[in-house]
C-alpha atoms as a PDB file:
ATOM      1  CA  MET A   1     -12.843   5.395  -8.997  1.00  0.00           C
ATOM      2  CA  LYS A   2     -12.586   1.756  -7.023  1.00  0.00           C
ATOM      3  CA  LYS A   3      -8.951   1.367  -7.586  1.00  0.00           C
ATOM      4  CA  TYR A   4      -8.426   4.689  -5.618  1.00  0.00           C
ATOM      5  CA  VAL A   5     -10.279   4.470  -2.715  1.00  0.00           C
ATOM      6  CA  VAL A   6      -9.137   0.528  -2.732  1.00  0.00           C
ATOM      7  CA  GLU A   7      -5.592   2.033  -2.826  1.00  0.00           C
ATOM      8  CA  PHE A   8      -6.134   4.826   0.447  1.00  0.00           C
ATOM      9  CA  ILE A   9      -7.690   2.030   2.494  1.00  0.00           C
ATOM     10  CA  GLY A  10      -4.822   0.463   2.241  1.00  0.00           C
ATOM     11  CA  SER A  11      -2.257   2.641   2.710  1.00  0.00           C
ATOM     12  CA  PHE A  12      -3.962   3.506   5.793  1.00  0.00           C
ATOM     13  CA  PHE A  13      -4.216   0.348   7.268  1.00  0.00           C
ATOM     14  CA  LEU A  14      -0.468   0.263   6.426  1.00  0.00           C
ATOM     15  CA  LEU A  15       0.843   3.702   7.583  1.00  0.00           C
ATOM     16  CA  LEU A  16      -1.479   2.821  10.632  1.00  0.00           C
ATOM     17  CA  ILE A  17       0.693  -0.188  11.333  1.00  0.00           C
ATOM     18  CA  ILE A  18       3.674   0.984  10.634  1.00  0.00           C
ATOM     19  CA  VAL A  19       3.185   3.613  13.527  1.00  0.00           C
ATOM     20  CA  VAL A  20       1.418   1.462  15.871  1.00  0.00           C
ATOM     21  CA  SER A  21       4.243  -1.338  16.178  1.00  0.00           C
ATOM     22  CA  VAL A  22       6.841   0.473  16.018  1.00  0.00           C
ATOM     23  CA  ASN A  23       5.596   3.681  18.746  1.00  0.00           C
ATOM     24  CA  GLY A  24       4.097   0.574  20.677  1.00  0.00           C
ATOM     25  CA  THR A  25       5.375  -2.310  22.666  1.00  0.00           C
ATOM     26  CA  ALA A  26       5.659  -4.465  18.971  1.00  0.00           C
ATOM     27  CA  GLY A  27       9.825  -4.723  19.990  1.00  0.00           C
ATOM     28  CA  ASN A  28      10.508  -7.543  17.436  1.00  0.00           C
ATOM     29  CA  MET A  29       7.228  -8.118  16.172  1.00  0.00           C
ATOM     30  CA  ALA A  30       7.219  -4.767  14.294  1.00  0.00           C
ATOM     31  CA  PRO A  31       7.975  -6.011  11.307  1.00  0.00           C
ATOM     32  CA  LEU A  32       6.083  -9.189  11.041  1.00  0.00           C
ATOM     33  CA  ALA A  33       2.819  -6.882  11.822  1.00  0.00           C
ATOM     34  CA  ILE A  34       4.053  -4.615   8.763  1.00  0.00           C
ATOM     35  CA  GLY A  35       4.737  -7.553   6.877  1.00  0.00           C
ATOM     36  CA  SER A  36       1.426  -9.333   7.775  1.00  0.00           C
ATOM     37  CA  ILE A  37      -0.870  -6.361   7.200  1.00  0.00           C
ATOM     38  CA  LEU A  38       0.117  -5.392   3.728  1.00  0.00           C
ATOM     39  CA  MET A  39       0.044  -9.356   2.470  1.00  0.00           C
ATOM     40  CA  VAL A  40      -3.221  -9.232   4.247  1.00  0.00           C
ATOM     41  CA  MET A  41      -4.140  -5.593   2.045  1.00  0.00           C
ATOM     42  CA  VAL A  42      -2.468  -6.678  -1.426  1.00  0.00           C
ATOM     43  CA  PHE A  43      -4.582 -10.044  -0.994  1.00  0.00           C
ATOM     44  CA  ALA A  44      -7.963  -7.912  -0.670  1.00  0.00           C
ATOM     45  CA  GLY A  45      -7.654  -5.887  -2.819  1.00  0.00           C
ATOM     46  CA  GLY A  46      -4.851  -6.160  -5.138  1.00  0.00           C
ATOM     47  CA  TYR A  47      -7.232  -7.671  -7.802  1.00  0.00           C
ATOM     48  CA  ILE A  48      -9.212  -4.295  -7.721  1.00  0.00           C
ATOM     49  CA  SER A  49      -5.719  -1.937  -7.932  1.00  0.00           C
ATOM     50  CA  GLY A  50      -3.364  -3.582  -8.596  1.00  0.00           C
ATOM     51  CA  GLY A  51      -1.581  -3.569  -4.639  1.00  0.00           C
ATOM     52  CA  HIS A  52       1.049  -0.666  -4.913  1.00  0.00           C
ATOM     53  CA  PHE A  53       0.474   0.773  -1.050  1.00  0.00           C
ATOM     54  CA  ASN A  54       3.494   2.217  -2.110  1.00  0.00           C
ATOM     55  CA  PRO A  55       4.476   5.176  -4.312  1.00  0.00           C
ATOM     56  CA  ALA A  56       7.691   3.893  -4.767  1.00  0.00           C
ATOM     57  CA  VAL A  57       6.060   0.639  -5.682  1.00  0.00           C
ATOM     58  CA  THR A  58       3.898   2.643  -8.440  1.00  0.00           C
ATOM     59  CA  GLN A  59       6.791   4.132  -9.756  1.00  0.00           C
ATOM     60  CA  GLY A  60       8.191   0.979 -10.590  1.00  0.00           C
ATOM     61  CA  VAL A  61       5.209  -0.003 -12.789  1.00  0.00           C
ATOM     62  CA  TRP A  62       5.021   3.367 -14.215  1.00  0.00           C
ATOM     63  CA  ILE A  63       8.341   2.862 -15.612  1.00  0.00           C
ATOM     64  CA  ARG A  64       7.405  -0.451 -16.653  1.00  0.00           C
ATOM     65  CA  GLY A  65       4.807   0.727 -18.146  1.00  0.00           C
ATOM     66  CA  ASN A  66       2.087  -1.660 -16.334  1.00  0.00           C
ATOM     67  CA  VAL A  67       0.440   1.980 -15.222  1.00  0.00           C
ATOM     68  CA  LYS A  68      -1.278   4.821 -17.137  1.00  0.00           C
ATOM     69  CA  ALA A  69       1.095   8.421 -16.359  1.00  0.00           C
ATOM     70  CA  THR A  70      -2.445   9.937 -15.717  1.00  0.00           C
ATOM     71  CA  ASP A  71      -3.115   7.490 -13.190  1.00  0.00           C
ATOM     72  CA  VAL A  72       0.174   7.644 -11.536  1.00  0.00           C
ATOM     73  CA  PRO A  73      -0.372  10.914  -9.200  1.00  0.00           C
ATOM     74  CA  ARG A  74      -3.454   9.654  -8.207  1.00  0.00           C
ATOM     75  CA  TYR A  75      -2.401   6.412  -7.036  1.00  0.00           C
ATOM     76  CA  MET A  76       0.614   8.501  -5.092  1.00  0.00           C
ATOM     77  CA  ILE A  77      -2.101  10.732  -3.485  1.00  0.00           C
ATOM     78  CA  GLY A  78      -4.109   7.947  -2.599  1.00  0.00           C
END
């Protein structure tokens, strides 16, 4: 359960920064803000959940066989 909460929090902050920086006044600095928050969230919660924060990454990790098929929907929802 802990890893799904971490995934939810990381995805929330990633999407928040994407929306704020793209719709705000970040301009050319938007990619730097998005990359920075992703880096911070991976360092903060990656050791707990694996640091996917993106359904495409979860799918890739599942294809490699490092995540159980039963965990994939929970990662993608959270």
